[in-house]
Amino acid sequence: MPYYIYRITPVGPIGPMRQLSKITQFDSFKEASVEAKRLRREIDLTTGETVKTIFADNELQAEDLLNQVREGEPLTGDDW
């Protein structure tokens, strides 16, 4: 499975809507990681924009995974 690199731009002031723009893909994590780090340094990202690497079967699955809202890490005392 390939590693995809996406530029993620928030759309509008409210809600989890985001625009996903595929930049490139790699067969190995090391290459993808190096490129993502380079892009984060060199691209002029606006507020809220990010560059992310995702491991997926195809672009459709990658975009689905990137659009899923993830819950935050549990904090001490959350089990009460």
C-alpha atoms as a PDB file:
ATOM      1  CA  MET A   1       0.000   0.000   0.000  1.00  0.00           C
ATOM      2  CA  PRO A   2       1.272   3.488  -0.798  1.00  0.00           C
ATOM      3  CA  TYR A   3       1.807   6.460   1.473  1.00  0.00           C
ATOM      4  CA  TYR A   4      -0.075   9.545   0.306  1.00  0.00           C
ATOM      5  CA  ILE A   5       0.795  13.147   1.148  1.00  0.00           C
ATOM      6  CA  TYR A   6      -2.078  15.629   1.300  1.00  0.00           C
ATOM      7  CA  ARG A   7      -2.424  19.350   1.886  1.00  0.00           C
ATOM      8  CA  ILE A   8      -5.452  19.904   4.131  1.00  0.00           C
ATOM      9  CA  THR A   9      -7.206  23.272   4.107  1.00  0.00           C
ATOM     10  CA  PRO A  10     -10.121  24.124   6.428  1.00  0.00           C
ATOM     11  CA  VAL A  11     -13.233  25.315   4.583  1.00  0.00           C
ATOM     12  CA  GLY A  12     -15.303  27.956   6.343  1.00  0.00           C
ATOM     13  CA  PRO A  13     -15.202  29.099   9.948  1.00  0.00           C
ATOM     14  CA  ILE A  14     -17.513  26.402  11.361  1.00  0.00           C
ATOM     15  CA  GLY A  15     -17.446  22.627  11.269  1.00  0.00           C
ATOM     16  CA  PRO A  16     -15.044  19.905  10.226  1.00  0.00           C
ATOM     17  CA  MET A  17     -15.268  20.656   6.472  1.00  0.00           C
ATOM     18  CA  ARG A  18     -11.847  20.416   4.841  1.00  0.00           C
ATOM     19  CA  GLN A  19     -10.450  20.562   1.330  1.00  0.00           C
ATOM     20  CA  LEU A  20      -8.004  17.740   0.579  1.00  0.00           C
ATOM     21  CA  SER A  21      -5.390  18.190  -2.136  1.00  0.00           C
ATOM     22  CA  LYS A  22      -3.195  15.210  -2.955  1.00  0.00           C
ATOM     23  CA  ILE A  23       0.400  16.312  -3.432  1.00  0.00           C
ATOM     24  CA  THR A  24       2.156  13.023  -4.162  1.00  0.00           C
ATOM     25  CA  GLN A  25       2.574   9.393  -3.087  1.00  0.00           C
ATOM     26  CA  PHE A  26       5.422   7.039  -2.193  1.00  0.00           C
ATOM     27  CA  ASP A  27       5.892   3.316  -1.759  1.00  0.00           C
ATOM     28  CA  SER A  28       8.014   3.641   1.372  1.00  0.00           C
ATOM     29  CA  PHE A  29       7.335   5.444   4.635  1.00  0.00           C
ATOM     30  CA  LYS A  30      10.849   6.859   4.853  1.00  0.00           C
ATOM     31  CA  GLU A  31      10.569   8.658   1.499  1.00  0.00           C
ATOM     32  CA  ALA A  32       7.077   9.933   2.321  1.00  0.00           C
ATOM     33  CA  SER A  33       8.172  11.160   5.752  1.00  0.00           C
ATOM     34  CA  VAL A  34      11.185  13.036   4.369  1.00  0.00           C
ATOM     35  CA  GLU A  35       9.048  14.699   1.686  1.00  0.00           C
ATOM     36  CA  ALA A  36       6.257  15.644   4.114  1.00  0.00           C
ATOM     37  CA  LYS A  37       8.766  17.258   6.471  1.00  0.00           C
ATOM     38  CA  ARG A  38      10.343  19.171   3.578  1.00  0.00           C
ATOM     39  CA  LEU A  39       6.930  20.392   2.416  1.00  0.00           C
ATOM     40  CA  ARG A  40       5.975  21.544   5.921  1.00  0.00           C
ATOM     41  CA  ARG A  41       9.160  23.651   6.014  1.00  0.00           C
ATOM     42  CA  GLU A  42       8.947  25.053   2.491  1.00  0.00           C
ATOM     43  CA  ILE A  43       5.247  25.513   1.704  1.00  0.00           C
ATOM     44  CA  ASP A  44       3.647  28.732   2.906  1.00  0.00           C
ATOM     45  CA  LEU A  45       0.758  27.212   4.888  1.00  0.00           C
ATOM     46  CA  THR A  46      -2.092  29.493   5.946  1.00  0.00           C
ATOM     47  CA  THR A  47      -3.648  29.311   9.394  1.00  0.00           C
ATOM     48  CA  GLY A  48      -5.195  25.906   9.939  1.00  0.00           C
ATOM     49  CA  GLU A  49      -3.573  24.286   6.903  1.00  0.00           C
ATOM     50  CA  THR A  50      -1.530  21.135   7.385  1.00  0.00           C
ATOM     51  CA  VAL A  51       0.448  18.595   5.386  1.00  0.00           C
ATOM     52  CA  LYS A  52      -0.306  14.994   6.349  1.00  0.00           C
ATOM     53  CA  THR A  53       0.956  11.572   5.351  1.00  0.00           C
ATOM     54  CA  ILE A  54      -1.553   8.712   5.255  1.00  0.00           C
ATOM     55  CA  PHE A  55      -1.130   4.971   4.563  1.00  0.00           C
ATOM     56  CA  ALA A  56      -4.023   3.569   2.522  1.00  0.00           C
ATOM     57  CA  ASP A  57      -5.020   1.105  -0.205  1.00  0.00           C
ATOM     58  CA  ASN A  58      -5.967   3.911  -2.606  1.00  0.00           C
ATOM     59  CA  GLU A  59      -6.749   7.635  -2.794  1.00  0.00           C
ATOM     60  CA  LEU A  60     -10.426   7.133  -1.934  1.00  0.00           C
ATOM     61  CA  GLN A  61      -9.555   5.300   1.280  1.00  0.00           C
ATOM     62  CA  ALA A  62      -6.868   7.893   2.107  1.00  0.00           C
ATOM     63  CA  GLU A  63      -9.368  10.748   1.772  1.00  0.00           C
ATOM     64  CA  ASP A  64     -11.971   8.836   3.784  1.00  0.00           C
ATOM     65  CA  LEU A  65      -9.451   8.299   6.603  1.00  0.00           C
ATOM     66  CA  LEU A  66      -8.373  11.955   6.543  1.00  0.00           C
ATOM     67  CA  ASN A  67     -12.012  13.097   6.803  1.00  0.00           C
ATOM     68  CA  GLN A  68     -12.799  10.949   9.834  1.00  0.00           C
ATOM     69  CA  VAL A  69     -13.069  12.896  13.071  1.00  0.00           C
ATOM     70  CA  ARG A  70     -10.772  11.364  15.656  1.00  0.00           C
ATOM     71  CA  GLU A  71     -11.424  11.553  19.353  1.00  0.00           C
ATOM     72  CA  GLY A  72      -8.773  13.164  21.507  1.00  0.00           C
ATOM     73  CA  GLU A  73      -6.461  11.236  23.799  1.00  0.00           C
ATOM     74  CA  PRO A  74      -8.103  10.339  27.132  1.00  0.00           C
ATOM     75  CA  LEU A  75      -6.998  12.531  29.990  1.00  0.00           C
ATOM     76  CA  THR A  76      -6.362  11.509  33.595  1.00  0.00           C
ATOM     77  CA  GLY A  77      -9.718  11.391  35.341  1.00  0.00           C
ATOM     78  CA  ASP A  78     -11.771  10.830  32.157  1.00  0.00           C
ATOM     79  CA  ASP A  79     -12.938   7.490  33.519  1.00  0.00           C
ATOM     80  CA  TRP A  80     -15.045   9.070  36.241  1.00  0.00           C
END
